Full PDB file with SEQRES, HELIX, SHEET, SSBOND, CRYST1, ORIGX, SCALE, CONECT and MASTER records, all heavy atoms in Angstrom:
SEQRES   1 A   29  THR ASN LYS ALA ARG GLN LYS TRP LEU PHE GLU LEU LEU          
SEQRES   2 A   29  LYS LYS GLU PRO ALA CYS THR TYR LEU ASN ALA PHE HIS          
SEQRES   3 A   29  GLN TYR LYS                                                  
HELIX    1 AA1 ASN A    2  LYS A   15  1                                  14    
HELIX    2 AA2 TYR A   21  TYR A   28  1                                   8    
CRYST1    1.000    1.000    1.000  90.00  90.00  90.00 P 1           1          
ORIGX1      1.000000  0.000000  0.000000        0.00000                         
ORIGX2      0.000000  1.000000  0.000000        0.00000                         
ORIGX3      0.000000  0.000000  1.000000        0.00000                         
SCALE1      1.000000  0.000000  0.000000        0.00000                         
SCALE2      0.000000  1.000000  0.000000        0.00000                         
SCALE3      0.000000  0.000000  1.000000        0.00000                         
ATOM      1  N   THR A   1      -2.384  -1.011 -13.937  1.00  0.00           N  
ATOM      2  CA  THR A   1      -3.824  -0.770 -13.873  1.00  0.00           C  
ATOM      3  C   THR A   1      -4.232  -0.422 -12.442  1.00  0.00           C  
ATOM      4  O   THR A   1      -3.476  -0.668 -11.485  1.00  0.00           O  
ATOM      5  CB  THR A   1      -4.611  -2.006 -14.337  1.00  0.00           C  
ATOM      6  OG1 THR A   1      -4.352  -3.060 -13.420  1.00  0.00           O  
ATOM      7  CG2 THR A   1      -4.234  -2.413 -15.739  1.00  0.00           C  
ATOM      8  N   ASN A   2      -5.430   0.113 -12.317  1.00  0.00           N  
ATOM      9  CA  ASN A   2      -5.964   0.443 -10.982  1.00  0.00           C  
ATOM     10  C   ASN A   2      -5.961  -0.780 -10.074  1.00  0.00           C  
ATOM     11  O   ASN A   2      -5.559  -0.709  -8.920  1.00  0.00           O  
ATOM     12  CB  ASN A   2      -7.401   0.967 -11.099  1.00  0.00           C  
ATOM     13  CG  ASN A   2      -7.489   2.285 -11.809  1.00  0.00           C  
ATOM     14  OD1 ASN A   2      -6.472   2.897 -12.126  1.00  0.00           O  
ATOM     15  ND2 ASN A   2      -8.709   2.725 -12.071  1.00  0.00           N  
ATOM     16  N   LYS A   3      -6.433  -1.915 -10.604  1.00  0.00           N  
ATOM     17  CA  LYS A   3      -6.533  -3.152  -9.815  1.00  0.00           C  
ATOM     18  C   LYS A   3      -5.161  -3.596  -9.317  1.00  0.00           C  
ATOM     19  O   LYS A   3      -5.029  -4.018  -8.166  1.00  0.00           O  
ATOM     20  CB  LYS A   3      -7.171  -4.278 -10.647  1.00  0.00           C  
ATOM     21  CG  LYS A   3      -8.587  -4.007 -11.044  1.00  0.00           C  
ATOM     22  CD  LYS A   3      -9.523  -4.277  -9.899  1.00  0.00           C  
ATOM     23  CE  LYS A   3     -10.957  -4.112 -10.382  1.00  0.00           C  
ATOM     24  NZ  LYS A   3     -11.870  -3.918  -9.301  1.00  0.00           N  
ATOM     25  N   ALA A   4      -4.163  -3.499 -10.147  1.00  0.00           N  
ATOM     26  CA  ALA A   4      -2.820  -3.922  -9.753  1.00  0.00           C  
ATOM     27  C   ALA A   4      -2.278  -3.027  -8.642  1.00  0.00           C  
ATOM     28  O   ALA A   4      -1.668  -3.509  -7.676  1.00  0.00           O  
ATOM     29  CB  ALA A   4      -1.884  -3.916 -10.953  1.00  0.00           C  
ATOM     30  N   ARG A   5      -2.502  -1.711  -8.750  1.00  0.00           N  
ATOM     31  CA  ARG A   5      -2.032  -0.786  -7.720  1.00  0.00           C  
ATOM     32  C   ARG A   5      -2.770  -1.032  -6.405  1.00  0.00           C  
ATOM     33  O   ARG A   5      -2.165  -1.054  -5.332  1.00  0.00           O  
ATOM     34  CB  ARG A   5      -2.241   0.669  -8.181  1.00  0.00           C  
ATOM     35  CG  ARG A   5      -1.340   1.112  -9.310  1.00  0.00           C  
ATOM     36  CD  ARG A   5      -1.399   2.612  -9.553  1.00  0.00           C  
ATOM     37  NE  ARG A   5      -2.725   3.208  -9.500  1.00  0.00           N  
ATOM     38  CZ  ARG A   5      -3.500   3.409 -10.571  1.00  0.00           C  
ATOM     39  NH1 ARG A   5      -3.086   3.054 -11.781  1.00  0.00           N  
ATOM     40  NH2 ARG A   5      -4.681   3.970 -10.435  1.00  0.00           N  
ATOM     41  N   GLN A   6      -4.065  -1.239  -6.509  1.00  0.00           N  
ATOM     42  CA  GLN A   6      -4.867  -1.483  -5.307  1.00  0.00           C  
ATOM     43  C   GLN A   6      -4.472  -2.808  -4.649  1.00  0.00           C  
ATOM     44  O   GLN A   6      -4.401  -2.904  -3.431  1.00  0.00           O  
ATOM     45  CB  GLN A   6      -6.351  -1.459  -5.659  1.00  0.00           C  
ATOM     46  CG  GLN A   6      -6.829  -0.079  -6.034  1.00  0.00           C  
ATOM     47  CD  GLN A   6      -8.149  -0.087  -6.775  1.00  0.00           C  
ATOM     48  OE1 GLN A   6      -8.845  -1.107  -6.831  1.00  0.00           O  
ATOM     49  NE2 GLN A   6      -8.506   1.050  -7.365  1.00  0.00           N  
ATOM     50  N   LYS A   7      -4.197  -3.788  -5.482  1.00  0.00           N  
ATOM     51  CA  LYS A   7      -3.747  -5.094  -4.963  1.00  0.00           C  
ATOM     52  C   LYS A   7      -2.404  -4.932  -4.256  1.00  0.00           C  
ATOM     53  O   LYS A   7      -2.192  -5.506  -3.178  1.00  0.00           O  
ATOM     54  CB  LYS A   7      -3.646  -6.102  -6.123  1.00  0.00           C  
ATOM     55  CG  LYS A   7      -3.226  -7.479  -5.722  1.00  0.00           C  
ATOM     56  CD  LYS A   7      -4.350  -8.208  -5.042  1.00  0.00           C  
ATOM     57  CE  LYS A   7      -3.954  -9.655  -4.845  1.00  0.00           C  
ATOM     58  NZ  LYS A   7      -4.800 -10.313  -3.885  1.00  0.00           N  
ATOM     59  N   TRP A   8      -1.504  -4.149  -4.850  1.00  0.00           N  
ATOM     60  CA  TRP A   8      -0.194  -3.914  -4.225  1.00  0.00           C  
ATOM     61  C   TRP A   8      -0.369  -3.222  -2.877  1.00  0.00           C  
ATOM     62  O   TRP A   8       0.247  -3.619  -1.885  1.00  0.00           O  
ATOM     63  CB  TRP A   8       0.682  -3.048  -5.158  1.00  0.00           C  
ATOM     64  CG  TRP A   8       1.994  -2.712  -4.552  1.00  0.00           C  
ATOM     65  CD1 TRP A   8       3.126  -3.473  -4.558  1.00  0.00           C  
ATOM     66  CD2 TRP A   8       2.324  -1.533  -3.810  1.00  0.00           C  
ATOM     67  NE1 TRP A   8       4.132  -2.842  -3.877  1.00  0.00           N  
ATOM     68  CE2 TRP A   8       3.664  -1.644  -3.403  1.00  0.00           C  
ATOM     69  CE3 TRP A   8       1.607  -0.384  -3.471  1.00  0.00           C  
ATOM     70  CZ2 TRP A   8       4.308  -0.650  -2.652  1.00  0.00           C  
ATOM     71  CZ3 TRP A   8       2.239   0.595  -2.723  1.00  0.00           C  
ATOM     72  CH2 TRP A   8       3.579   0.455  -2.325  1.00  0.00           C  
ATOM     73  N   LEU A   9      -1.251  -2.216  -2.811  1.00  0.00           N  
ATOM     74  CA  LEU A   9      -1.517  -1.526  -1.544  1.00  0.00           C  
ATOM     75  C   LEU A   9      -2.145  -2.473  -0.521  1.00  0.00           C  
ATOM     76  O   LEU A   9      -1.783  -2.457   0.658  1.00  0.00           O  
ATOM     77  CB  LEU A   9      -2.471  -0.348  -1.782  1.00  0.00           C  
ATOM     78  CG  LEU A   9      -1.857   1.030  -1.857  1.00  0.00           C  
ATOM     79  CD1 LEU A   9      -2.922   2.067  -2.192  1.00  0.00           C  
ATOM     80  CD2 LEU A   9      -1.128   1.415  -0.617  1.00  0.00           C  
ATOM     81  N   PHE A  10      -3.075  -3.277  -0.961  1.00  0.00           N  
ATOM     82  CA  PHE A  10      -3.730  -4.262  -0.095  1.00  0.00           C  
ATOM     83  C   PHE A  10      -2.700  -5.202   0.515  1.00  0.00           C  
ATOM     84  O   PHE A  10      -2.700  -5.453   1.723  1.00  0.00           O  
ATOM     85  CB  PHE A  10      -4.782  -5.035  -0.903  1.00  0.00           C  
ATOM     86  CG  PHE A  10      -5.346  -6.232  -0.199  1.00  0.00           C  
ATOM     87  CD1 PHE A  10      -6.202  -6.097   0.878  1.00  0.00           C  
ATOM     88  CD2 PHE A  10      -5.022  -7.519  -0.627  1.00  0.00           C  
ATOM     89  CE1 PHE A  10      -6.727  -7.205   1.520  1.00  0.00           C  
ATOM     90  CE2 PHE A  10      -5.540  -8.630   0.014  1.00  0.00           C  
ATOM     91  CZ  PHE A  10      -6.398  -8.479   1.084  1.00  0.00           C  
ATOM     92  N   GLU A  11      -1.805  -5.721  -0.325  1.00  0.00           N  
ATOM     93  CA  GLU A  11      -0.760  -6.631   0.164  1.00  0.00           C  
ATOM     94  C   GLU A  11       0.178  -5.911   1.133  1.00  0.00           C  
ATOM     95  O   GLU A  11       0.619  -6.493   2.127  1.00  0.00           O  
ATOM     96  CB  GLU A  11       0.030  -7.232  -1.000  1.00  0.00           C  
ATOM     97  CG  GLU A  11      -0.780  -8.168  -1.886  1.00  0.00           C  
ATOM     98  CD  GLU A  11      -1.328  -9.387  -1.164  1.00  0.00           C  
ATOM     99  OE1 GLU A  11      -0.669  -9.876  -0.209  1.00  0.00           O  
ATOM    100  OE2 GLU A  11      -2.407  -9.870  -1.536  1.00  0.00           O  
ATOM    101  N   LEU A  12       0.484  -4.648   0.851  1.00  0.00           N  
ATOM    102  CA  LEU A  12       1.332  -3.860   1.752  1.00  0.00           C  
ATOM    103  C   LEU A  12       0.661  -3.710   3.111  1.00  0.00           C  
ATOM    104  O   LEU A  12       1.289  -3.911   4.152  1.00  0.00           O  
ATOM    105  CB  LEU A  12       1.609  -2.472   1.146  1.00  0.00           C  
ATOM    106  CG  LEU A  12       2.376  -1.488   2.043  1.00  0.00           C  
ATOM    107  CD1 LEU A  12       3.825  -1.960   2.199  1.00  0.00           C  
ATOM    108  CD2 LEU A  12       2.317  -0.089   1.469  1.00  0.00           C  
ATOM    109  N   LEU A  13      -0.607  -3.392   3.119  1.00  0.00           N  
ATOM    110  CA  LEU A  13      -1.342  -3.222   4.378  1.00  0.00           C  
ATOM    111  C   LEU A  13      -1.496  -4.544   5.136  1.00  0.00           C  
ATOM    112  O   LEU A  13      -1.493  -4.562   6.366  1.00  0.00           O  
ATOM    113  CB  LEU A  13      -2.710  -2.594   4.110  1.00  0.00           C  
ATOM    114  CG  LEU A  13      -2.675  -1.150   3.613  1.00  0.00           C  
ATOM    115  CD1 LEU A  13      -4.065  -0.696   3.185  1.00  0.00           C  
ATOM    116  CD2 LEU A  13      -2.107  -0.220   4.672  1.00  0.00           C  
ATOM    117  N   LYS A  14      -1.644  -5.638   4.407  1.00  0.00           N  
ATOM    118  CA  LYS A  14      -1.708  -6.960   5.052  1.00  0.00           C  
ATOM    119  C   LYS A  14      -0.375  -7.295   5.701  1.00  0.00           C  
ATOM    120  O   LYS A  14      -0.323  -7.787   6.826  1.00  0.00           O  
ATOM    121  CB  LYS A  14      -2.042  -8.040   4.009  1.00  0.00           C  
ATOM    122  CG  LYS A  14      -3.478  -8.442   3.994  1.00  0.00           C  
ATOM    123  CD  LYS A  14      -3.851  -9.472   2.955  1.00  0.00           C  
ATOM    124  CE  LYS A  14      -2.921 -10.605   2.751  1.00  0.00           C  
ATOM    125  NZ  LYS A  14      -3.403 -11.560   1.743  1.00  0.00           N  
ATOM    126  N   LYS A  15       0.708  -7.024   4.944  1.00  0.00           N  
ATOM    127  CA  LYS A  15       2.052  -7.364   5.402  1.00  0.00           C  
ATOM    128  C   LYS A  15       2.494  -6.460   6.554  1.00  0.00           C  
ATOM    129  O   LYS A  15       3.146  -6.916   7.483  1.00  0.00           O  
ATOM    130  CB  LYS A  15       3.036  -7.257   4.233  1.00  0.00           C  
ATOM    131  CG  LYS A  15       4.446  -7.718   4.534  1.00  0.00           C  
ATOM    132  CD  LYS A  15       5.294  -7.766   3.284  1.00  0.00           C  
ATOM    133  CE  LYS A  15       5.487  -6.345   2.750  1.00  0.00           C  
ATOM    134  NZ  LYS A  15       6.417  -6.262   1.632  1.00  0.00           N  
ATOM    135  N   GLU A  16       2.133  -5.183   6.480  1.00  0.00           N  
ATOM    136  CA  GLU A  16       2.536  -4.207   7.490  1.00  0.00           C  
ATOM    137  C   GLU A  16       1.287  -3.542   8.072  1.00  0.00           C  
ATOM    138  O   GLU A  16       0.902  -2.454   7.650  1.00  0.00           O  
ATOM    139  CB  GLU A  16       3.447  -3.142   6.870  1.00  0.00           C  
ATOM    140  CG  GLU A  16       4.719  -3.681   6.274  1.00  0.00           C  
ATOM    141  CD  GLU A  16       5.531  -2.599   5.559  1.00  0.00           C  
ATOM    142  OE1 GLU A  16       5.440  -1.417   5.950  1.00  0.00           O  
ATOM    143  OE2 GLU A  16       6.248  -2.958   4.628  1.00  0.00           O  
ATOM    144  N   PRO A  17       0.646  -4.163   9.056  1.00  0.00           N  
ATOM    145  CA  PRO A  17      -0.604  -3.616   9.591  1.00  0.00           C  
ATOM    146  C   PRO A  17      -0.449  -2.222  10.220  1.00  0.00           C  
ATOM    147  O   PRO A  17      -1.399  -1.459  10.267  1.00  0.00           O  
ATOM    148  CB  PRO A  17      -1.027  -4.630  10.658  1.00  0.00           C  
ATOM    149  CG  PRO A  17      -0.224  -5.839  10.409  1.00  0.00           C  
ATOM    150  CD  PRO A  17       0.986  -5.437   9.649  1.00  0.00           C  
ATOM    151  N   ALA A  18       0.746  -1.873  10.669  1.00  0.00           N  
ATOM    152  CA  ALA A  18       0.958  -0.569  11.297  1.00  0.00           C  
ATOM    153  C   ALA A  18       1.360   0.502  10.288  1.00  0.00           C  
ATOM    154  O   ALA A  18       1.716   1.616  10.663  1.00  0.00           O  
ATOM    155  CB  ALA A  18       2.023  -0.695  12.381  1.00  0.00           C  
ATOM    156  N   CYS A  19       1.303   0.182   9.017  1.00  0.00           N  
ATOM    157  CA  CYS A  19       1.703   1.114   7.957  1.00  0.00           C  
ATOM    158  C   CYS A  19       0.772   2.323   7.953  1.00  0.00           C  
ATOM    159  O   CYS A  19      -0.448   2.180   7.910  1.00  0.00           O  
ATOM    160  CB  CYS A  19       1.673   0.412   6.602  1.00  0.00           C  
ATOM    161  SG  CYS A  19       2.272   1.432   5.256  1.00  0.00           S  
ATOM    162  N   THR A  20       1.356   3.519   7.983  1.00  0.00           N  
ATOM    163  CA  THR A  20       0.559   4.745   8.008  1.00  0.00           C  
ATOM    164  C   THR A  20       0.255   5.209   6.586  1.00  0.00           C  
ATOM    165  O   THR A  20       0.886   4.756   5.618  1.00  0.00           O  
ATOM    166  CB  THR A  20       1.313   5.857   8.745  1.00  0.00           C  
ATOM    167  OG1 THR A  20       2.507   6.163   8.013  1.00  0.00           O  
ATOM    168  CG2 THR A  20       1.638   5.446  10.177  1.00  0.00           C  
ATOM    169  N   TYR A  21      -0.657   6.139   6.508  1.00  0.00           N  
ATOM    170  CA  TYR A  21      -1.032   6.726   5.218  1.00  0.00           C  
ATOM    171  C   TYR A  21       0.197   7.337   4.550  1.00  0.00           C  
ATOM    172  O   TYR A  21       0.471   7.096   3.381  1.00  0.00           O  
ATOM    173  CB  TYR A  21      -2.113   7.784   5.461  1.00  0.00           C  
ATOM    174  CG  TYR A  21      -2.495   8.582   4.240  1.00  0.00           C  
ATOM    175  CD1 TYR A  21      -3.500   8.141   3.406  1.00  0.00           C  
ATOM    176  CD2 TYR A  21      -1.852   9.788   3.941  1.00  0.00           C  
ATOM    177  CE1 TYR A  21      -3.876   8.869   2.281  1.00  0.00           C  
ATOM    178  CE2 TYR A  21      -2.208  10.530   2.816  1.00  0.00           C  
ATOM    179  CZ  TYR A  21      -3.221  10.066   1.998  1.00  0.00           C  
ATOM    180  OH  TYR A  21      -3.580  10.800   0.891  1.00  0.00           O  
ATOM    181  N   LEU A  22       0.963   8.136   5.319  1.00  0.00           N  
ATOM    182  CA  LEU A  22       2.127   8.831   4.775  1.00  0.00           C  
ATOM    183  C   LEU A  22       3.203   7.854   4.314  1.00  0.00           C  
ATOM    184  O   LEU A  22       3.762   8.003   3.212  1.00  0.00           O  
ATOM    185  CB  LEU A  22       2.691   9.787   5.836  1.00  0.00           C  
ATOM    186  CG  LEU A  22       3.671  10.837   5.359  1.00  0.00           C  
ATOM    187  CD1 LEU A  22       3.057  11.691   4.255  1.00  0.00           C  
ATOM    188  CD2 LEU A  22       4.114  11.704   6.527  1.00  0.00           C  
ATOM    189  N   ASN A  23       3.465   6.849   5.120  1.00  0.00           N  
ATOM    190  CA  ASN A  23       4.458   5.827   4.786  1.00  0.00           C  
ATOM    191  C   ASN A  23       4.055   5.084   3.509  1.00  0.00           C  
ATOM    192  O   ASN A  23       4.868   4.859   2.611  1.00  0.00           O  
ATOM    193  CB  ASN A  23       4.620   4.870   5.959  1.00  0.00           C  
ATOM    194  CG  ASN A  23       5.845   4.000   5.858  1.00  0.00           C  
ATOM    195  OD1 ASN A  23       6.639   4.138   4.935  1.00  0.00           O  
ATOM    196  ND2 ASN A  23       5.980   3.093   6.807  1.00  0.00           N  
ATOM    197  N   ALA A  24       2.769   4.701   3.432  1.00  0.00           N  
ATOM    198  CA  ALA A  24       2.276   3.987   2.254  1.00  0.00           C  
ATOM    199  C   ALA A  24       2.360   4.882   1.018  1.00  0.00           C  
ATOM    200  O   ALA A  24       2.727   4.423  -0.067  1.00  0.00           O  
ATOM    201  CB  ALA A  24       0.848   3.526   2.478  1.00  0.00           C  
ATOM    202  N   PHE A  25       2.045   6.182   1.190  1.00  0.00           N  
ATOM    203  CA  PHE A  25       2.089   7.104   0.058  1.00  0.00           C  
ATOM    204  C   PHE A  25       3.509   7.230  -0.494  1.00  0.00           C  
ATOM    205  O   PHE A  25       3.705   7.231  -1.710  1.00  0.00           O  
ATOM    206  CB  PHE A  25       1.544   8.480   0.446  1.00  0.00           C  
ATOM    207  CG  PHE A  25       1.640   9.487  -0.659  1.00  0.00           C  
ATOM    208  CD1 PHE A  25       0.945   9.298  -1.858  1.00  0.00           C  
ATOM    209  CD2 PHE A  25       2.430  10.618  -0.536  1.00  0.00           C  
ATOM    210  CE1 PHE A  25       1.030  10.220  -2.894  1.00  0.00           C  
ATOM    211  CE2 PHE A  25       2.528  11.539  -1.567  1.00  0.00           C  
ATOM    212  CZ  PHE A  25       1.827  11.346  -2.744  1.00  0.00           C  
ATOM    213  N   HIS A  26       4.516   7.306   0.387  1.00  0.00           N  
ATOM    214  CA  HIS A  26       5.909   7.413  -0.080  1.00  0.00           C  
ATOM    215  C   HIS A  26       6.307   6.163  -0.880  1.00  0.00           C  
ATOM    216  O   HIS A  26       6.930   6.283  -1.945  1.00  0.00           O  
ATOM    217  CB  HIS A  26       6.861   7.621   1.099  1.00  0.00           C  
ATOM    218  CG  HIS A  26       6.794   9.004   1.673  1.00  0.00           C  
ATOM    219  ND1 HIS A  26       7.045  10.138   0.940  1.00  0.00           N  
ATOM    220  CD2 HIS A  26       6.477   9.427   2.917  1.00  0.00           C  
ATOM    221  CE1 HIS A  26       6.901  11.194   1.708  1.00  0.00           C  
ATOM    222  NE2 HIS A  26       6.546  10.790   2.930  1.00  0.00           N  
ATOM    223  N   GLN A  27       5.939   4.980  -0.386  1.00  0.00           N  
ATOM    224  CA  GLN A  27       6.267   3.745  -1.109  1.00  0.00           C  
ATOM    225  C   GLN A  27       5.524   3.684  -2.450  1.00  0.00           C  
ATOM    226  O   GLN A  27       6.073   3.272  -3.467  1.00  0.00           O  
ATOM    227  CB  GLN A  27       5.937   2.522  -0.246  1.00  0.00           C  
ATOM    228  CG  GLN A  27       6.847   2.385   0.966  1.00  0.00           C  
ATOM    229  CD  GLN A  27       6.521   1.133   1.755  1.00  0.00           C  
ATOM    230  OE1 GLN A  27       6.323   0.074   1.177  1.00  0.00           O  
ATOM    231  NE2 GLN A  27       6.481   1.259   3.073  1.00  0.00           N  
ATOM    232  N   TYR A  28       4.262   4.102  -2.415  1.00  0.00           N  
ATOM    233  CA  TYR A  28       3.421   4.119  -3.622  1.00  0.00           C  
ATOM    234  C   TYR A  28       4.019   5.072  -4.661  1.00  0.00           C  
ATOM    235  O   TYR A  28       4.110   4.748  -5.839  1.00  0.00           O  
ATOM    236  CB  TYR A  28       2.016   4.574  -3.203  1.00  0.00           C  
ATOM    237  CG  TYR A  28       0.987   4.655  -4.306  1.00  0.00           C  
ATOM    238  CD1 TYR A  28       0.221   3.551  -4.638  1.00  0.00           C  
ATOM    239  CD2 TYR A  28       0.740   5.850  -4.980  1.00  0.00           C  
ATOM    240  CE1 TYR A  28      -0.765   3.627  -5.613  1.00  0.00           C  
ATOM    241  CE2 TYR A  28      -0.238   5.936  -5.959  1.00  0.00           C  
ATOM    242  CZ  TYR A  28      -0.984   4.813  -6.268  1.00  0.00           C  
ATOM    243  OH  TYR A  28      -1.956   4.887  -7.234  1.00  0.00           O  
ATOM    244  N   LYS A  29       4.425   6.251  -4.197  1.00  0.00           N  
ATOM    245  CA  LYS A  29       4.987   7.283  -5.095  1.00  0.00           C  
ATOM    246  C   LYS A  29       6.267   6.788  -5.749  1.00  0.00           C  
ATOM    247  O   LYS A  29       6.498   7.004  -6.945  1.00  0.00           O  
ATOM    248  CB  LYS A  29       5.245   8.563  -4.286  1.00  0.00           C  
ATOM    249  CG  LYS A  29       5.664   9.745  -5.098  1.00  0.00           C  
ATOM    250  CD  LYS A  29       4.457  10.355  -5.744  1.00  0.00           C  
ATOM    251  CE  LYS A  29       4.862  11.695  -6.357  1.00  0.00           C  
ATOM    252  NZ  LYS A  29       4.038  12.040  -7.475  1.00  0.00           N  
TER     253      LYS A  29                                                      
MASTER        0    0    0    2    0    0    0    6  252    1    0    3          
END                                                                             
């Protein structure tokens, strides 16, 4: 669901504060 994906991204950004848009997109993809 949207909420689960957003939660996963939120946790990724919390865990890795220096995570870039491109890096996050590759992991998300």
